[in-house]
C-alpha atoms as a PDB file:
ATOM      1  CA  MET A   1      10.373   6.772 -14.509  1.00  0.00           C
ATOM      2  CA  ASN A   2       7.085   9.032 -13.752  1.00  0.00           C
ATOM      3  CA  LEU A   3       4.256   7.388 -11.928  1.00  0.00           C
ATOM      4  CA  SER A   4       1.898  10.446 -12.069  1.00  0.00           C
ATOM      5  CA  GLU A   5      -1.598  10.493 -10.926  1.00  0.00           C
ATOM      6  CA  LYS A   6      -4.441   8.476 -12.473  1.00  0.00           C
ATOM      7  CA  ASN A   7      -7.324  10.925 -12.890  1.00  0.00           C
ATOM      8  CA  GLY A   8     -10.769   9.831 -12.014  1.00  0.00           C
ATOM      9  CA  THR A   9     -12.262   7.165  -9.493  1.00  0.00           C
ATOM     10  CA  ILE A  10     -10.108   4.878  -7.756  1.00  0.00           C
ATOM     11  CA  SER A  11     -10.857   1.217  -8.967  1.00  0.00           C
ATOM     12  CA  SER A  12      -7.695  -0.607  -8.181  1.00  0.00           C
ATOM     13  CA  VAL A  13      -5.814  -0.625  -4.795  1.00  0.00           C
ATOM     14  CA  CYS A  14      -2.301  -1.805  -4.180  1.00  0.00           C
ATOM     15  CA  VAL A  15      -1.996  -3.155  -0.672  1.00  0.00           C
ATOM     16  CA  TYR A  16       1.407  -3.493   1.098  1.00  0.00           C
ATOM     17  CA  CYS A  17       1.187  -6.045   4.109  1.00  0.00           C
ATOM     18  CA  ALA A  18       3.094  -8.645   6.004  1.00  0.00           C
ATOM     19  CA  SER A  19       3.719 -12.320   4.720  1.00  0.00           C
ATOM     20  CA  SER A  20       4.840 -13.640   8.069  1.00  0.00           C
ATOM     21  CA  PRO A  21       2.518 -16.508   9.372  1.00  0.00           C
ATOM     22  CA  HIS A  22       3.337 -15.717  13.067  1.00  0.00           C
ATOM     23  CA  ILE A  23       1.030 -12.594  13.593  1.00  0.00           C
ATOM     24  CA  VAL A  24      -1.482 -12.097  16.211  1.00  0.00           C
ATOM     25  CA  PRO A  25      -4.941 -12.644  15.038  1.00  0.00           C
ATOM     26  CA  VAL A  26      -6.185  -9.081  15.256  1.00  0.00           C
ATOM     27  CA  TYR A  27      -4.087  -8.149  12.164  1.00  0.00           C
ATOM     28  CA  SER A  28      -5.253 -11.141  10.151  1.00  0.00           C
ATOM     29  CA  ASP A  29      -8.768 -10.238  11.085  1.00  0.00           C
ATOM     30  CA  VAL A  30      -8.295  -6.709   9.706  1.00  0.00           C
ATOM     31  CA  ALA A  31      -6.758  -8.005   6.392  1.00  0.00           C
ATOM     32  CA  ARG A  32      -9.839 -10.347   6.019  1.00  0.00           C
ATOM     33  CA  GLN A  33     -12.288  -7.453   6.689  1.00  0.00           C
ATOM     34  CA  LEU A  34     -10.411  -5.189   4.386  1.00  0.00           C
ATOM     35  CA  GLY A  35     -10.555  -7.800   1.647  1.00  0.00           C
ATOM     36  CA  ARG A  36     -14.306  -8.075   1.944  1.00  0.00           C
ATOM     37  CA  LEU A  37     -14.869  -4.509   2.040  1.00  0.00           C
ATOM     38  CA  LEU A  38     -12.714  -3.882  -1.062  1.00  0.00           C
ATOM     39  CA  VAL A  39     -14.914  -6.257  -3.040  1.00  0.00           C
ATOM     40  CA  GLU A  40     -18.190  -4.796  -1.520  1.00  0.00           C
ATOM     41  CA  ASN A  41     -17.043  -1.340  -2.711  1.00  0.00           C
ATOM     42  CA  GLY A  42     -15.936  -2.306  -6.114  1.00  0.00           C
ATOM     43  CA  PHE A  43     -12.227  -2.123  -5.638  1.00  0.00           C
ATOM     44  CA  SER A  44      -9.811  -4.709  -7.352  1.00  0.00           C
ATOM     45  CA  CYS A  45      -6.710  -5.470  -5.377  1.00  0.00           C
ATOM     46  CA  ILE A  46      -2.968  -5.745  -6.346  1.00  0.00           C
ATOM     47  CA  ASN A  47      -0.320  -7.111  -3.850  1.00  0.00           C
ATOM     48  CA  GLY A  48       2.788  -9.265  -3.619  1.00  0.00           C
ATOM     49  CA  ALA A  49       0.922 -12.602  -4.207  1.00  0.00           C
ATOM     50  CA  GLY A  50       1.764 -14.086  -0.915  1.00  0.00           C
ATOM     51  CA  LYS A  51      -0.216 -17.117   0.456  1.00  0.00           C
ATOM     52  CA  ALA A  52       0.688 -16.577   4.059  1.00  0.00           C
ATOM     53  CA  GLY A  53       0.349 -13.892   6.798  1.00  0.00           C
ATOM     54  CA  LEU A  54      -1.740 -10.863   6.189  1.00  0.00           C
ATOM     55  CA  MET A  55      -1.162 -11.073   2.483  1.00  0.00           C
ATOM     56  CA  GLY A  56      -2.612 -14.652   2.502  1.00  0.00           C
ATOM     57  CA  ALA A  57      -5.548 -13.633   4.622  1.00  0.00           C
ATOM     58  CA  LEU A  58      -6.247 -10.604   2.393  1.00  0.00           C
ATOM     59  CA  ASN A  59      -6.111 -12.802  -0.761  1.00  0.00           C
ATOM     60  CA  ASP A  60      -8.347 -15.516   0.535  1.00  0.00           C
ATOM     61  CA  SER A  61     -10.858 -13.081   1.687  1.00  0.00           C
ATOM     62  CA  ILE A  62     -10.948 -11.257  -1.572  1.00  0.00           C
ATOM     63  CA  LEU A  63     -11.314 -14.494  -3.605  1.00  0.00           C
ATOM     64  CA  GLU A  64     -14.002 -15.910  -1.141  1.00  0.00           C
ATOM     65  CA  SER A  65     -15.957 -12.625  -1.574  1.00  0.00           C
ATOM     66  CA  GLY A  66     -15.846 -13.029  -5.305  1.00  0.00           C
ATOM     67  CA  GLY A  67     -13.380 -10.229  -5.995  1.00  0.00           C
ATOM     68  CA  ARG A  68     -10.409  -9.802  -8.171  1.00  0.00           C
ATOM     69  CA  VAL A  69      -6.809  -9.761  -6.965  1.00  0.00           C
ATOM     70  CA  THR A  70      -3.585  -9.585  -9.115  1.00  0.00           C
ATOM     71  CA  GLY A  71      -0.485 -10.720  -7.410  1.00  0.00           C
ATOM     72  CA  VAL A  72       2.978  -9.498  -8.616  1.00  0.00           C
ATOM     73  CA  ILE A  73       6.059 -11.748  -7.417  1.00  0.00           C
ATOM     74  CA  PRO A  74       9.538 -12.208  -8.330  1.00  0.00           C
ATOM     75  CA  ARG A  75      10.577 -15.524  -9.792  1.00  0.00           C
ATOM     76  CA  PHE A  76      12.677 -16.659  -6.805  1.00  0.00           C
ATOM     77  CA  MET A  77       9.723 -16.387  -4.563  1.00  0.00           C
ATOM     78  CA  VAL A  78       7.669 -18.597  -6.970  1.00  0.00           C
ATOM     79  CA  ASP A  79      10.407 -21.166  -6.887  1.00  0.00           C
ATOM     80  CA  SER A  80      10.301 -21.033  -3.119  1.00  0.00           C
ATOM     81  CA  GLY A  81       6.647 -21.903  -2.939  1.00  0.00           C
ATOM     82  CA  TRP A  82       5.581 -18.398  -1.561  1.00  0.00           C
ATOM     83  CA  CYS A  83       3.020 -17.753  -4.235  1.00  0.00           C
ATOM     84  CA  HIS A  84      -0.828 -18.010  -3.557  1.00  0.00           C
ATOM     85  CA  PRO A  85      -2.110 -20.622  -6.042  1.00  0.00           C
ATOM     86  CA  LYS A  86      -5.552 -19.261  -6.706  1.00  0.00           C
ATOM     87  CA  LEU A  87      -5.205 -15.529  -7.576  1.00  0.00           C
ATOM     88  CA  SER A  88      -7.207 -13.930 -10.457  1.00  0.00           C
ATOM     89  CA  GLU A  89      -3.888 -13.113 -12.104  1.00  0.00           C
ATOM     90  CA  THR A  90      -0.286 -13.615 -11.277  1.00  0.00           C
ATOM     91  CA  ILE A  91       2.566 -11.580 -12.871  1.00  0.00           C
ATOM     92  CA  VAL A  92       6.018 -12.993 -12.334  1.00  0.00           C
ATOM     93  CA  THR A  93       8.970 -10.631 -12.317  1.00  0.00           C
ATOM     94  CA  GLU A  94      12.623 -11.054 -12.479  1.00  0.00           C
ATOM     95  CA  THR A  95      13.483  -8.514  -9.676  1.00  0.00           C
ATOM     96  CA  MET A  96      12.061  -7.116  -6.461  1.00  0.00           C
ATOM     97  CA  HIS A  97      12.516  -3.513  -8.041  1.00  0.00           C
ATOM     98  CA  GLU A  98      10.384  -4.620 -11.069  1.00  0.00           C
ATOM     99  CA  ARG A  99       7.826  -6.124  -8.777  1.00  0.00           C
ATOM    100  CA  LYS A 100       7.269  -2.861  -6.721  1.00  0.00           C
ATOM    101  CA  GLN A 101       7.107  -0.686  -9.761  1.00  0.00           C
ATOM    102  CA  THR A 102       4.616  -3.025 -11.499  1.00  0.00           C
ATOM    103  CA  MET A 103       2.403  -3.047  -8.538  1.00  0.00           C
ATOM    104  CA  THR A 104       2.288   0.720  -8.355  1.00  0.00           C
ATOM    105  CA  GLN A 105       1.628   1.134 -11.987  1.00  0.00           C
ATOM    106  CA  LEU A 106      -1.406  -1.143 -11.851  1.00  0.00           C
ATOM    107  CA  ALA A 107      -2.996   0.627  -8.993  1.00  0.00           C
ATOM    108  CA  ASP A 108      -4.900   3.826  -8.373  1.00  0.00           C
ATOM    109  CA  ALA A 109      -4.026   4.076  -4.709  1.00  0.00           C
ATOM    110  CA  VAL A 110      -1.789   2.506  -2.085  1.00  0.00           C
ATOM    111  CA  VAL A 111      -2.705   1.095   1.266  1.00  0.00           C
ATOM    112  CA  ALA A 112      -0.153  -0.052   3.857  1.00  0.00           C
ATOM    113  CA  LEU A 113      -1.254  -2.471   6.486  1.00  0.00           C
ATOM    114  CA  PRO A 114       1.099  -3.392   9.295  1.00  0.00           C
ATOM    115  CA  GLY A 115       4.151  -5.386   8.266  1.00  0.00           C
ATOM    116  CA  GLY A 116       7.763  -5.931   8.677  1.00  0.00           C
ATOM    117  CA  VAL A 117      10.721  -4.385   6.995  1.00  0.00           C
ATOM    118  CA  GLY A 118       9.547  -5.269   3.425  1.00  0.00           C
ATOM    119  CA  THR A 119       6.290  -3.479   4.055  1.00  0.00           C
ATOM    120  CA  MET A 120       8.123  -0.579   5.647  1.00  0.00           C
ATOM    121  CA  GLU A 121      10.518  -0.302   2.669  1.00  0.00           C
ATOM    122  CA  GLU A 122       7.589  -0.529   0.075  1.00  0.00           C
ATOM    123  CA  LEU A 123       5.704   2.337   2.053  1.00  0.00           C
ATOM    124  CA  LEU A 124       8.824   4.627   2.588  1.00  0.00           C
ATOM    125  CA  GLU A 125       9.703   4.117  -1.137  1.00  0.00           C
ATOM    126  CA  ILE A 126       6.246   5.243  -2.326  1.00  0.00           C
ATOM    127  CA  ILE A 127       6.223   8.201   0.076  1.00  0.00           C
ATOM    128  CA  THR A 128       9.556   9.211  -1.449  1.00  0.00           C
ATOM    129  CA  TRP A 129       8.323   8.866  -4.936  1.00  0.00           C
ATOM    130  CA  LYS A 130       5.435  11.231  -3.920  1.00  0.00           C
ATOM    131  CA  GLN A 131       7.788  13.682  -2.492  1.00  0.00           C
ATOM    132  CA  LEU A 132       9.770  13.685  -5.700  1.00  0.00           C
ATOM    133  CA  GLY A 133       6.646  14.213  -7.758  1.00  0.00           C
ATOM    134  CA  LEU A 134       6.997  10.851  -9.354  1.00  0.00           C
ATOM    135  CA  TYR A 135       3.646   9.566  -7.848  1.00  0.00           C
ATOM    136  CA  ARG A 136       0.571  11.659  -6.829  1.00  0.00           C
ATOM    137  CA  ASN A 137      -2.049   8.990  -6.198  1.00  0.00           C
ATOM    138  CA  PRO A 138      -3.463   8.428  -2.540  1.00  0.00           C
ATOM    139  CA  ILE A 139      -1.410   6.634   0.117  1.00  0.00           C
ATOM    140  CA  VAL A 140      -3.329   5.369   3.101  1.00  0.00           C
ATOM    141  CA  ILE A 141      -1.422   4.164   6.158  1.00  0.00           C
ATOM    142  CA  ALA A 142      -3.527   1.621   8.119  1.00  0.00           C
ATOM    143  CA  ASN A 143      -2.439   2.383  11.776  1.00  0.00           C
ATOM    144  CA  ILE A 144      -4.075  -0.588  13.273  1.00  0.00           C
ATOM    145  CA  ASN A 145      -3.454  -1.034  17.010  1.00  0.00           C
ATOM    146  CA  ASP A 146      -1.178   2.177  16.760  1.00  0.00           C
ATOM    147  CA  TYR A 147       1.213   0.155  14.775  1.00  0.00           C
ATOM    148  CA  TYR A 148       2.597   3.007  12.908  1.00  0.00           C
ATOM    149  CA  ALA A 149       2.786   5.375  15.798  1.00  0.00           C
ATOM    150  CA  PRO A 150       6.644   5.102  16.181  1.00  0.00           C
ATOM    151  CA  LEU A 151       6.818   5.909  12.465  1.00  0.00           C
ATOM    152  CA  PHE A 152       4.793   8.930  12.769  1.00  0.00           C
ATOM    153  CA  ASP A 153       6.872  10.038  15.765  1.00  0.00           C
ATOM    154  CA  LEU A 154       9.881   9.675  13.623  1.00  0.00           C
ATOM    155  CA  PHE A 155       8.332  11.666  10.777  1.00  0.00           C
ATOM    156  CA  ASP A 156       7.595  14.542  13.443  1.00  0.00           C
ATOM    157  CA  LYS A 157      11.187  14.397  14.341  1.00  0.00           C
ATOM    158  CA  MET A 158      12.093  14.599  10.720  1.00  0.00           C
ATOM    159  CA  ILE A 159      10.143  17.767  10.305  1.00  0.00           C
ATOM    160  CA  ALA A 160      11.234  19.333  13.651  1.00  0.00           C
ATOM    161  CA  GLU A 161      14.906  18.921  12.707  1.00  0.00           C
ATOM    162  CA  ASN A 162      14.300  20.023   9.115  1.00  0.00           C
ATOM    163  CA  PHE A 163      14.981  16.807   7.350  1.00  0.00           C
ATOM    164  CA  MET A 164      11.404  16.887   5.794  1.00  0.00           C
ATOM    165  CA  ALA A 165       9.145  19.772   5.098  1.00  0.00           C
ATOM    166  CA  ALA A 166       5.907  20.100   7.171  1.00  0.00           C
ATOM    167  CA  ALA A 167       3.844  20.261   4.069  1.00  0.00           C
ATOM    168  CA  TYR A 168       4.753  16.576   3.220  1.00  0.00           C
ATOM    169  CA  ARG A 169       2.593  15.433   6.163  1.00  0.00           C
ATOM    170  CA  ASP A 170      -0.282  15.727   3.746  1.00  0.00           C
ATOM    171  CA  MET A 171       1.058  13.102   1.378  1.00  0.00           C
ATOM    172  CA  TRP A 172      -0.518  10.369   3.259  1.00  0.00           C
ATOM    173  CA  GLN A 173      -3.786   9.630   5.027  1.00  0.00           C
ATOM    174  CA  VAL A 174      -4.141   7.557   8.232  1.00  0.00           C
ATOM    175  CA  ALA A 175      -6.866   5.110   9.117  1.00  0.00           C
ATOM    176  CA  ALA A 176      -7.556   3.027  12.160  1.00  0.00           C
ATOM    177  CA  SER A 177      -9.763   0.436  10.795  1.00  0.00           C
ATOM    178  CA  PRO A 178     -10.756  -1.232   7.446  1.00  0.00           C
ATOM    179  CA  GLU A 179     -13.882   1.026   7.205  1.00  0.00           C
ATOM    180  CA  GLU A 180     -11.767   4.096   7.688  1.00  0.00           C
ATOM    181  CA  ILE A 181      -9.362   2.782   4.918  1.00  0.00           C
ATOM    182  CA  ILE A 182     -12.390   2.466   2.512  1.00  0.00           C
ATOM    183  CA  GLY A 183     -13.533   5.926   3.523  1.00  0.00           C
ATOM    184  CA  CYS A 184     -10.173   7.412   2.529  1.00  0.00           C
ATOM    185  CA  LEU A 185     -10.259   5.628  -0.674  1.00  0.00           C
ATOM    186  CA  LYS A 186     -13.639   7.023  -1.518  1.00  0.00           C
ATOM    187  CA  LYS A 187     -12.890  10.441  -0.467  1.00  0.00           C
ATOM    188  CA  ASN A 188      -9.674  10.341  -2.729  1.00  0.00           C
ATOM    189  CA  THR A 189      -8.317  13.581  -1.495  1.00  0.00           C
ATOM    190  CA  PRO A 190      -5.928  14.929  -4.095  1.00  0.00           C
ATOM    191  CA  TRP A 191      -2.465  16.166  -2.923  1.00  0.00           C
ATOM    192  CA  ASN A 192      -1.400  19.017  -5.147  1.00  0.00           C
ATOM    193  CA  PRO A 193       1.650  20.791  -3.723  1.00  0.00           C
ATOM    194  CA  LYS A 194       2.939  23.991  -5.359  1.00  0.00           C
ATOM    195  CA  GLY A 195       6.063  22.009  -6.080  1.00  0.00           C
ATOM    196  CA  ASN A 196       7.861  18.933  -5.305  1.00  0.00           C
ATOM    197  CA  LYS A 197      11.145  18.489  -3.478  1.00  0.00           C
ATOM    198  CA  TYR A 198      13.284  19.588  -6.533  1.00  0.00           C
ATOM    199  CA  ASP A 199      11.048  22.652  -7.278  1.00  0.00           C
ATOM    200  CA  LYS A 200      12.437  24.048  -4.000  1.00  0.00           C
ATOM    201  CA  LYS A 201       8.855  25.388  -3.131  1.00  0.00           C
ATOM    202  CA  VAL A 202       8.117  23.060  -0.273  1.00  0.00           C
ATOM    203  CA  LEU A 203      11.709  22.110   0.540  1.00  0.00           C
END
């Protein structure tokens, strides 16, 4: 599997985010703002097709703003009633692994809003793929309310104790608001290391 970079302007964005309905309003407000801004700036969206939590707020906002959103969801979640009923397109997969790979293949960039262990797993997996040279497109971490500050502290500890090279800090961009997320996407800063983890040039 090689999910190498898609050259040119970003047009589609994969958003990882929480599906829990028990979230304080500030995060849902950010998801709705991001949905509106994605549409206003000509971006389509790919996500996990949920109808609740930040994912539901994001999807509702995109659709209400006249935008396009593609949801990718495993069959067992559809059977459990988790799927948003009004998406522009819904792709049903057989496994979670197929879901994540499909979402990434459809998108020109990834944005991680705050979320739980599922969101964290998706974010760390795409960072790992980028470290391995399997993915080179933009990754934007939305550090709303300093949500991801503990993760950044952990990354610093990894680097300080030589579990990760300092050069890998450039694999992602950090945004503190929906407007900054859009700015990162428009800037589309390339990450072109001299080598990946297995080239032993940035190990």
